[in-house]
All heavy atoms as atom14 arrays in JSON, in Angstrom:
{
  "sequence": "KNTSCFHENDILINDMEFLSREMANYLKIQRRVNTYIPARE",
  "atom14_mask": [
    [1, 1, 1, 1, 1, 1, 1, 1, 1, 0, 0, 0, 0, 0],
    [1, 1, 1, 1, 1, 1, 1, 1, 0, 0, 0, 0, 0, 0],
    [1, 1, 1, 1, 1, 1, 1, 0, 0, 0, 0, 0, 0, 0],
    [1, 1, 1, 1, 1, 1, 0, 0, 0, 0, 0, 0, 0, 0],
    [1, 1, 1, 1, 1, 1, 0, 0, 0, 0, 0, 0, 0, 0],
    [1, 1, 1, 1, 1, 1, 1, 1, 1, 1, 1, 0, 0, 0],
    [1, 1, 1, 1, 1, 1, 1, 1, 1, 1, 0, 0, 0, 0],
    [1, 1, 1, 1, 1, 1, 1, 1, 1, 0, 0, 0, 0, 0],
    [1, 1, 1, 1, 1, 1, 1, 1, 0, 0, 0, 0, 0, 0],
    [1, 1, 1, 1, 1, 1, 1, 1, 0, 0, 0, 0, 0, 0],
    [1, 1, 1, 1, 1, 1, 1, 1, 0, 0, 0, 0, 0, 0],
    [1, 1, 1, 1, 1, 1, 1, 1, 0, 0, 0, 0, 0, 0],
    [1, 1, 1, 1, 1, 1, 1, 1, 0, 0, 0, 0, 0, 0],
    [1, 1, 1, 1, 1, 1, 1, 1, 0, 0, 0, 0, 0, 0],
    [1, 1, 1, 1, 1, 1, 1, 1, 0, 0, 0, 0, 0, 0],
    [1, 1, 1, 1, 1, 1, 1, 1, 0, 0, 0, 0, 0, 0],
    [1, 1, 1, 1, 1, 1, 1, 1, 1, 0, 0, 0, 0, 0],
    [1, 1, 1, 1, 1, 1, 1, 1, 1, 1, 1, 0, 0, 0],
    [1, 1, 1, 1, 1, 1, 1, 1, 0, 0, 0, 0, 0, 0],
    [1, 1, 1, 1, 1, 1, 0, 0, 0, 0, 0, 0, 0, 0],
    [1, 1, 1, 1, 1, 1, 1, 1, 1, 1, 1, 0, 0, 0],
    [1, 1, 1, 1, 1, 1, 1, 1, 1, 0, 0, 0, 0, 0],
    [1, 1, 1, 1, 1, 1, 1, 1, 0, 0, 0, 0, 0, 0],
    [1, 1, 1, 1, 1, 0, 0, 0, 0, 0, 0, 0, 0, 0],
    [1, 1, 1, 1, 1, 1, 1, 1, 0, 0, 0, 0, 0, 0],
    [1, 1, 1, 1, 1, 1, 1, 1, 1, 1, 1, 1, 0, 0],
    [1, 1, 1, 1, 1, 1, 1, 1, 0, 0, 0, 0, 0, 0],
    [1, 1, 1, 1, 1, 1, 1, 1, 1, 0, 0, 0, 0, 0],
    [1, 1, 1, 1, 1, 1, 1, 1, 0, 0, 0, 0, 0, 0],
    [1, 1, 1, 1, 1, 1, 1, 1, 1, 0, 0, 0, 0, 0],
    [1, 1, 1, 1, 1, 1, 1, 1, 1, 1, 1, 0, 0, 0],
    [1, 1, 1, 1, 1, 1, 1, 1, 1, 1, 1, 0, 0, 0],
    [1, 1, 1, 1, 1, 1, 1, 0, 0, 0, 0, 0, 0, 0],
    [1, 1, 1, 1, 1, 1, 1, 1, 0, 0, 0, 0, 0, 0],
    [1, 1, 1, 1, 1, 1, 1, 0, 0, 0, 0, 0, 0, 0],
    [1, 1, 1, 1, 1, 1, 1, 1, 1, 1, 1, 1, 0, 0],
    [1, 1, 1, 1, 1, 1, 1, 1, 0, 0, 0, 0, 0, 0],
    [1, 1, 1, 1, 1, 1, 1, 0, 0, 0, 0, 0, 0, 0],
    [1, 1, 1, 1, 1, 0, 0, 0, 0, 0, 0, 0, 0, 0],
    [1, 1, 1, 1, 1, 1, 1, 1, 1, 1, 1, 0, 0, 0],
    [1, 1, 1, 1, 1, 1, 1, 1, 1, 0, 0, 0, 0, 0]
  ],
  "atom14_positions": [
    [[-8.63, -2.01, -0.5], [-9.08, -2.64, 0.71], [-9.78, -3.99, 0.49], [-9.71, -4.89, 1.32], [-10.07, -1.7, 1.46], [-9.41, -0.55, 2.15], [-10.42, 0.28, 2.92], [-9.73, 1.36, 3.73], [-10.68, 2.16, 4.49], [0.0, 0.0, 0.0], [0.0, 0.0, 0.0], [0.0, 0.0, 0.0], [0.0, 0.0, 0.0], [0.0, 0.0, 0.0]],
    [[-10.46, -4.11, -0.66], [-11.31, -5.28, -0.88], [-10.84, -6.27, -1.94], [-11.47, -7.3, -2.13], [-12.73, -4.8, -1.22], [-13.28, -3.95, -0.12], [-13.25, -4.35, 1.05], [-13.77, -2.77, -0.44], [0.0, 0.0, 0.0], [0.0, 0.0, 0.0], [0.0, 0.0, 0.0], [0.0, 0.0, 0.0], [0.0, 0.0, 0.0], [0.0, 0.0, 0.0]],
    [[-9.79, -5.93, -2.7], [-9.4, -6.8, -3.81], [-9.03, -8.19, -3.32], [-8.43, -8.35, -2.27], [-8.24, -6.2, -4.6], [-7.97, -7.02, -5.71], [-7.0, -6.03, -3.78], [0.0, 0.0, 0.0], [0.0, 0.0, 0.0], [0.0, 0.0, 0.0], [0.0, 0.0, 0.0], [0.0, 0.0, 0.0], [0.0, 0.0, 0.0], [0.0, 0.0, 0.0]],
    [[-9.34, -9.17, -4.14], [-8.94, -10.55, -3.86], [-7.58, -10.86, -4.53], [-7.05, -11.93, -4.39], [-9.99, -11.53, -4.37], [-10.13, -11.4, -5.79], [0.0, 0.0, 0.0], [0.0, 0.0, 0.0], [0.0, 0.0, 0.0], [0.0, 0.0, 0.0], [0.0, 0.0, 0.0], [0.0, 0.0, 0.0], [0.0, 0.0, 0.0], [0.0, 0.0, 0.0]],
    [[-7.03, -9.85, -5.22], [-5.76, -10.05, -5.94], [-4.55, -10.01, -4.99], [-3.5, -10.58, -5.32], [-5.58, -8.98, -7.0], [-6.87, -9.07, -8.27], [0.0, 0.0, 0.0], [0.0, 0.0, 0.0], [0.0, 0.0, 0.0], [0.0, 0.0, 0.0], [0.0, 0.0, 0.0], [0.0, 0.0, 0.0], [0.0, 0.0, 0.0], [0.0, 0.0, 0.0]],
    [[-4.68, -9.35, -3.86], [-3.54, -9.23, -2.93], [-3.36, -10.54, -2.18], [-4.32, -11.16, -1.73], [-3.76, -8.11, -1.91], [-3.45, -6.73, -2.43], [-4.13, -5.65, -1.93], [-2.46, -6.54, -3.36], [-3.84, -4.38, -2.36], [-2.18, -5.25, -3.83], [-2.86, -4.18, -3.35], [0.0, 0.0, 0.0], [0.0, 0.0, 0.0], [0.0, 0.0, 0.0]],
    [[-2.09, -10.88, -1.99], [-1.71, -12.0, -1.14], [-0.65, -11.55, -0.18], [0.04, -10.55, -0.42], [-1.17, -13.17, -2.0], [-2.13, -13.61, -3.05], [-3.3, -14.3, -2.75], [-2.14, -13.44, -4.4], [-3.95, -14.55, -3.87], [-3.28, -14.04, -4.88], [0.0, 0.0, 0.0], [0.0, 0.0, 0.0], [0.0, 0.0, 0.0], [0.0, 0.0, 0.0]],
    [[-0.5, -12.24, 0.92], [0.5, -11.86, 1.9], [1.87, -11.72, 1.26], [2.26, -12.53, 0.44], [0.55, -12.93, 3.01], [1.34, -12.49, 4.21], [1.17, -13.43, 5.37], [0.08, -13.99, 5.57], [2.13, -13.6, 6.11], [0.0, 0.0, 0.0], [0.0, 0.0, 0.0], [0.0, 0.0, 0.0], [0.0, 0.0, 0.0], [0.0, 0.0, 0.0]],
    [[2.57, -10.67, 1.63], [3.91, -10.32, 1.14], [3.94, -9.77, -0.27], [5.01, -9.64, -0.87], [4.88, -11.51, 1.27], [5.08, -11.9, 2.71], [5.19, -11.03, 3.58], [5.1, -13.19, 2.97], [0.0, 0.0, 0.0], [0.0, 0.0, 0.0], [0.0, 0.0, 0.0], [0.0, 0.0, 0.0], [0.0, 0.0, 0.0], [0.0, 0.0, 0.0]],
    [[2.77, -9.45, -0.86], [2.76, -8.75, -2.13], [3.26, -7.33, -1.88], [3.35, -6.87, -0.76], [1.35, -8.67, -2.7], [0.96, -9.94, -3.47], [1.83, -10.8, -3.7], [-0.23, -10.04, -3.85], [0.0, 0.0, 0.0], [0.0, 0.0, 0.0], [0.0, 0.0, 0.0], [0.0, 0.0, 0.0], [0.0, 0.0, 0.0], [0.0, 0.0, 0.0]],
    [[3.55, -6.65, -2.98], [3.96, -5.24, -2.88], [3.05, -4.39, -3.76], [2.5, -4.89, -4.73], [5.44, -5.02, -3.29], [5.7, -5.4, -4.72], [6.36, -5.73, -2.33], [7.01, -5.0, -5.28], [0.0, 0.0, 0.0], [0.0, 0.0, 0.0], [0.0, 0.0, 0.0], [0.0, 0.0, 0.0], [0.0, 0.0, 0.0], [0.0, 0.0, 0.0]],
    [[2.92, -3.14, -3.36], [2.16, -2.16, -4.14], [3.05, -0.97, -4.37], [3.52, -0.35, -3.43], [0.88, -1.75, -3.4], [0.07, -0.64, -4.04], [-0.58, -1.17, -5.32], [-1.02, -0.13, -3.09], [0.0, 0.0, 0.0], [0.0, 0.0, 0.0], [0.0, 0.0, 0.0], [0.0, 0.0, 0.0], [0.0, 0.0, 0.0], [0.0, 0.0, 0.0]],
    [[3.3, -0.66, -5.63], [4.08, 0.49, -6.0], [3.1, 1.61, -6.3], [2.36, 1.56, -7.25], [5.0, 0.22, -7.23], [5.9, -0.98, -6.93], [5.8, 1.48, -7.54], [6.69, -1.44, -8.17], [0.0, 0.0, 0.0], [0.0, 0.0, 0.0], [0.0, 0.0, 0.0], [0.0, 0.0, 0.0], [0.0, 0.0, 0.0], [0.0, 0.0, 0.0]],
    [[3.08, 2.61, -5.4], [2.13, 3.72, -5.52], [2.65, 4.84, -6.36], [3.86, 5.1, -6.4], [1.79, 4.27, -4.13], [0.85, 3.43, -3.37], [-0.02, 2.77, -3.93], [1.0, 3.41, -2.09], [0.0, 0.0, 0.0], [0.0, 0.0, 0.0], [0.0, 0.0, 0.0], [0.0, 0.0, 0.0], [0.0, 0.0, 0.0], [0.0, 0.0, 0.0]],
    [[1.72, 5.56, -6.96], [2.03, 6.82, -7.63], [2.01, 7.92, -6.57], [1.35, 7.8, -5.55], [0.96, 7.06, -8.71], [1.47, 8.01, -9.77], [2.58, 8.5, -9.69], [0.72, 8.23, -10.74], [0.0, 0.0, 0.0], [0.0, 0.0, 0.0], [0.0, 0.0, 0.0], [0.0, 0.0, 0.0], [0.0, 0.0, 0.0], [0.0, 0.0, 0.0]],
    [[2.74, 8.99, -6.8], [2.81, 10.08, -5.85], [1.44, 10.69, -5.54], [1.21, 11.13, -4.44], [3.75, 11.15, -6.36], [4.2, 12.13, -5.3], [5.37, 13.35, -5.85], [6.73, 12.37, -6.38], [0.0, 0.0, 0.0], [0.0, 0.0, 0.0], [0.0, 0.0, 0.0], [0.0, 0.0, 0.0], [0.0, 0.0, 0.0], [0.0, 0.0, 0.0]],
    [[0.56, 10.66, -6.49], [-0.77, 11.25, -6.29], [-1.6, 10.47, -5.27], [-2.57, 10.97, -4.73], [-1.57, 11.33, -7.59], [-1.07, 12.37, -8.58], [0.16, 11.92, -9.38], [0.31, 10.69, -9.6], [0.94, 12.78, -9.78], [0.0, 0.0, 0.0], [0.0, 0.0, 0.0], [0.0, 0.0, 0.0], [0.0, 0.0, 0.0], [0.0, 0.0, 0.0]],
    [[-1.2, 9.25, -5.0], [-1.99, 8.4, -4.1], [-1.32, 8.21, -2.73], [-1.47, 7.19, -2.07], [-2.25, 7.04, -4.74], [-3.1, 7.15, -5.95], [-2.56, 7.08, -7.22], [-4.46, 7.38, -5.83], [-3.35, 7.2, -8.34], [-5.26, 7.5, -6.94], [-4.71, 7.41, -8.21], [0.0, 0.0, 0.0], [0.0, 0.0, 0.0], [0.0, 0.0, 0.0]],
    [[-0.57, 9.22, -2.31], [0.06, 9.18, -1.01], [-0.96, 9.12, 0.08], [-1.88, 9.92, 0.16], [0.92, 10.42, -0.78], [2.27, 10.48, -1.45], [2.86, 11.88, -1.31], [3.19, 9.45, -0.87], [0.0, 0.0, 0.0], [0.0, 0.0, 0.0], [0.0, 0.0, 0.0], [0.0, 0.0, 0.0], [0.0, 0.0, 0.0], [0.0, 0.0, 0.0]],
    [[-0.82, 8.17, 0.98], [-1.73, 8.06, 2.12], [-1.09, 7.23, 3.19], [-0.89, 6.02, 2.98], [-3.07, 7.44, 1.71], [-3.83, 7.13, 2.84], [0.0, 0.0, 0.0], [0.0, 0.0, 0.0], [0.0, 0.0, 0.0], [0.0, 0.0, 0.0], [0.0, 0.0, 0.0], [0.0, 0.0, 0.0], [0.0, 0.0, 0.0], [0.0, 0.0, 0.0]],
    [[-0.72, 7.84, 4.3], [-0.13, 7.08, 5.42], [-1.12, 6.12, 5.97], [-0.78, 4.97, 6.3], [0.35, 8.07, 6.48], [1.01, 7.42, 7.67], [2.29, 6.71, 7.27], [3.2, 6.63, 8.39], [3.81, 5.5, 8.75], [3.58, 4.37, 8.1], [4.65, 5.49, 9.74], [0.0, 0.0, 0.0], [0.0, 0.0, 0.0], [0.0, 0.0, 0.0]],
    [[-2.36, 6.51, 6.03], [-3.41, 5.63, 6.54], [-3.57, 4.38, 5.68], [-3.71, 3.27, 6.21], [-4.77, 6.36, 6.63], [-4.83, 7.41, 7.72], [-4.14, 8.73, 7.4], [-3.64, 8.9, 6.25], [-4.08, 9.59, 8.28], [0.0, 0.0, 0.0], [0.0, 0.0, 0.0], [0.0, 0.0, 0.0], [0.0, 0.0, 0.0], [0.0, 0.0, 0.0]],
    [[-3.49, 4.55, 4.35], [-3.62, 3.38, 3.44], [-2.37, 2.49, 3.56], [-2.52, 1.27, 3.56], [-3.83, 3.84, 2.0], [-4.05, 2.67, 1.04], [-5.38, 1.51, 1.48], [-6.83, 2.5, 1.15], [0.0, 0.0, 0.0], [0.0, 0.0, 0.0], [0.0, 0.0, 0.0], [0.0, 0.0, 0.0], [0.0, 0.0, 0.0], [0.0, 0.0, 0.0]],
    [[-1.2, 3.07, 3.67], [0.02, 2.27, 3.85], [-0.07, 1.47, 5.14], [0.29, 0.27, 5.15], [1.26, 3.17, 3.85], [0.0, 0.0, 0.0], [0.0, 0.0, 0.0], [0.0, 0.0, 0.0], [0.0, 0.0, 0.0], [0.0, 0.0, 0.0], [0.0, 0.0, 0.0], [0.0, 0.0, 0.0], [0.0, 0.0, 0.0], [0.0, 0.0, 0.0]],
    [[-0.56, 2.06, 6.2], [-0.78, 1.38, 7.48], [-1.77, 0.23, 7.31], [-1.51, -0.9, 7.74], [-1.28, 2.31, 8.57], [-0.25, 3.33, 9.0], [0.95, 3.15, 8.82], [-0.74, 4.42, 9.58], [0.0, 0.0, 0.0], [0.0, 0.0, 0.0], [0.0, 0.0, 0.0], [0.0, 0.0, 0.0], [0.0, 0.0, 0.0], [0.0, 0.0, 0.0]],
    [[-2.9, 0.52, 6.7], [-3.95, -0.49, 6.51], [-3.42, -1.69, 5.68], [-3.64, -2.83, 6.08], [-5.16, 0.14, 5.77], [-6.25, -0.85, 5.53], [-7.21, -1.11, 6.48], [-6.32, -1.53, 4.31], [-8.21, -2.05, 6.27], [-7.32, -2.47, 4.09], [-8.25, -2.73, 5.06], [-9.24, -3.67, 4.83], [0.0, 0.0, 0.0], [0.0, 0.0, 0.0]],
    [[-2.76, -1.4, 4.6], [-2.28, -2.48, 3.73], [-1.27, -3.36, 4.47], [-1.3, -4.59, 4.34], [-1.7, -1.93, 2.44], [-2.72, -1.32, 1.48], [-2.01, -0.67, 0.32], [-3.68, -2.38, 0.97], [0.0, 0.0, 0.0], [0.0, 0.0, 0.0], [0.0, 0.0, 0.0], [0.0, 0.0, 0.0], [0.0, 0.0, 0.0], [0.0, 0.0, 0.0]],
    [[-0.39, -2.73, 5.22], [0.63, -3.5, 5.92], [0.02, -4.35, 7.05], [0.33, -5.52, 7.21], [1.69, -2.53, 6.51], [2.79, -3.21, 7.32], [3.76, -3.94, 6.43], [4.93, -4.46, 7.23], [5.9, -5.12, 6.4], [0.0, 0.0, 0.0], [0.0, 0.0, 0.0], [0.0, 0.0, 0.0], [0.0, 0.0, 0.0], [0.0, 0.0, 0.0]],
    [[-0.88, -3.73, 7.86], [-1.44, -4.4, 9.02], [-2.54, -5.42, 8.63], [-2.53, -6.56, 9.03], [-1.99, -3.39, 10.04], [-0.83, -2.55, 10.59], [-2.71, -4.07, 11.18], [-1.27, -1.3, 11.37], [0.0, 0.0, 0.0], [0.0, 0.0, 0.0], [0.0, 0.0, 0.0], [0.0, 0.0, 0.0], [0.0, 0.0, 0.0], [0.0, 0.0, 0.0]],
    [[-3.52, -4.94, 7.85], [-4.68, -5.76, 7.54], [-4.46, -6.75, 6.38], [-4.91, -7.88, 6.42], [-5.87, -4.86, 7.22], [-6.25, -3.94, 8.34], [-6.67, -4.67, 9.61], [-7.28, -5.69, 9.55], [-6.29, -4.1, 10.73], [0.0, 0.0, 0.0], [0.0, 0.0, 0.0], [0.0, 0.0, 0.0], [0.0, 0.0, 0.0], [0.0, 0.0, 0.0]],
    [[-3.79, -6.26, 5.32], [-3.64, -7.12, 4.12], [-2.26, -7.76, 4.04], [-2.03, -8.59, 3.19], [-3.87, -6.26, 2.87], [-5.2, -5.53, 2.75], [-6.44, -6.43, 2.74], [-6.41, -7.54, 1.8], [-6.94, -7.5, 0.57], [-7.56, -6.4, 0.16], [-6.89, -8.56, -0.21], [0.0, 0.0, 0.0], [0.0, 0.0, 0.0], [0.0, 0.0, 0.0]],
    [[-1.34, -7.34, 4.89], [0.07, -7.82, 4.86], [0.73, -7.58, 3.51], [1.47, -8.4, 2.98], [0.13, -9.3, 5.21], [-0.62, -9.71, 6.46], [0.33, -9.9, 7.62], [-0.28, -10.52, 8.77], [-0.76, -9.82, 9.78], [-0.72, -8.56, 9.79], [-1.3, -10.46, 10.82], [0.0, 0.0, 0.0], [0.0, 0.0, 0.0], [0.0, 0.0, 0.0]],
    [[0.44, -6.39, 2.96], [1.01, -5.95, 1.69], [1.92, -4.75, 1.94], [1.53, -3.85, 2.69], [-0.14, -5.57, 0.69], [0.43, -4.9, -0.54], [-0.97, -6.78, 0.33], [0.0, 0.0, 0.0], [0.0, 0.0, 0.0], [0.0, 0.0, 0.0], [0.0, 0.0, 0.0], [0.0, 0.0, 0.0], [0.0, 0.0, 0.0], [0.0, 0.0, 0.0]],
    [[3.09, -4.78, 1.4], [4.05, -3.67, 1.55], [3.86, -2.66, 0.44], [3.62, -3.02, -0.71], [5.51, -4.2, 1.53], [5.86, -4.88, 2.84], [5.79, -4.29, 3.88], [6.18, -6.14, 2.77], [0.0, 0.0, 0.0], [0.0, 0.0, 0.0], [0.0, 0.0, 0.0], [0.0, 0.0, 0.0], [0.0, 0.0, 0.0], [0.0, 0.0, 0.0]],
    [[3.99, -1.38, 0.76], [3.86, -0.33, -0.2], [5.19, 0.38, -0.45], [6.06, 0.45, 0.43], [2.84, 0.75, 0.28], [3.23, 1.23, 1.54], [1.45, 0.17, 0.34], [0.0, 0.0, 0.0], [0.0, 0.0, 0.0], [0.0, 0.0, 0.0], [0.0, 0.0, 0.0], [0.0, 0.0, 0.0], [0.0, 0.0, 0.0], [0.0, 0.0, 0.0]],
    [[5.39, 0.86, -1.66], [6.52, 1.64, -2.07], [5.97, 2.96, -2.6], [5.15, 2.95, -3.52], [7.32, 0.95, -3.17], [8.1, -0.25, -2.65], [7.45, -1.43, -2.29], [9.46, -0.18, -2.52], [8.17, -2.51, -1.83], [10.19, -1.27, -2.06], [9.52, -2.43, -1.7], [10.25, -3.52, -1.24], [0.0, 0.0, 0.0], [0.0, 0.0, 0.0]],
    [[6.39, 4.08, -1.99], [5.77, 5.38, -2.29], [6.86, 6.44, -2.45], [7.71, 6.58, -1.57], [4.81, 5.82, -1.16], [3.78, 4.75, -0.84], [4.15, 7.14, -1.5], [3.01, 4.97, 0.44], [0.0, 0.0, 0.0], [0.0, 0.0, 0.0], [0.0, 0.0, 0.0], [0.0, 0.0, 0.0], [0.0, 0.0, 0.0], [0.0, 0.0, 0.0]],
    [[6.84, 7.22, -3.54], [7.76, 8.35, -3.64], [7.25, 9.47, -2.76], [6.1, 9.82, -2.77], [7.74, 8.73, -5.09], [6.34, 8.29, -5.55], [6.0, 7.09, -4.71], [0.0, 0.0, 0.0], [0.0, 0.0, 0.0], [0.0, 0.0, 0.0], [0.0, 0.0, 0.0], [0.0, 0.0, 0.0], [0.0, 0.0, 0.0], [0.0, 0.0, 0.0]],
    [[8.16, 10.06, -1.99], [7.76, 11.17, -1.12], [7.79, 12.48, -1.91], [8.67, 12.67, -2.76], [8.7, 11.28, 0.08], [0.0, 0.0, 0.0], [0.0, 0.0, 0.0], [0.0, 0.0, 0.0], [0.0, 0.0, 0.0], [0.0, 0.0, 0.0], [0.0, 0.0, 0.0], [0.0, 0.0, 0.0], [0.0, 0.0, 0.0], [0.0, 0.0, 0.0]],
    [[6.87, 13.36, -1.64], [6.86, 14.69, -2.25], [7.91, 15.58, -1.61], [8.23, 15.41, -0.42], [5.5, 15.35, -2.07], [4.41, 14.71, -2.89], [3.13, 15.58, -2.82], [2.05, 14.91, -3.5], [0.95, 14.51, -2.92], [0.74, 14.72, -1.63], [0.0, 13.91, -3.61], [0.0, 0.0, 0.0], [0.0, 0.0, 0.0], [0.0, 0.0, 0.0]],
    [[8.41, 16.52, -2.38], [9.45, 17.44, -1.87], [9.02, 18.2, -0.64], [9.85, 18.51, 0.22], [9.85, 18.44, -2.98], [10.61, 17.85, -4.1], [10.93, 18.91, -5.15], [10.8, 20.1, -4.88], [11.31, 18.48, -6.26], [0.0, 0.0, 0.0], [0.0, 0.0, 0.0], [0.0, 0.0, 0.0], [0.0, 0.0, 0.0], [0.0, 0.0, 0.0]]
  ]
}
């Protein structure tokens, strides 16, 4: 949420342990960062 490393149109490749729809929403809307997440079975 607070890093200065993100820039608009950056991507974040998440690990499965960090699945969070709320965080994916926040990053896309507030930080303009796209996430890539593997879905659990």
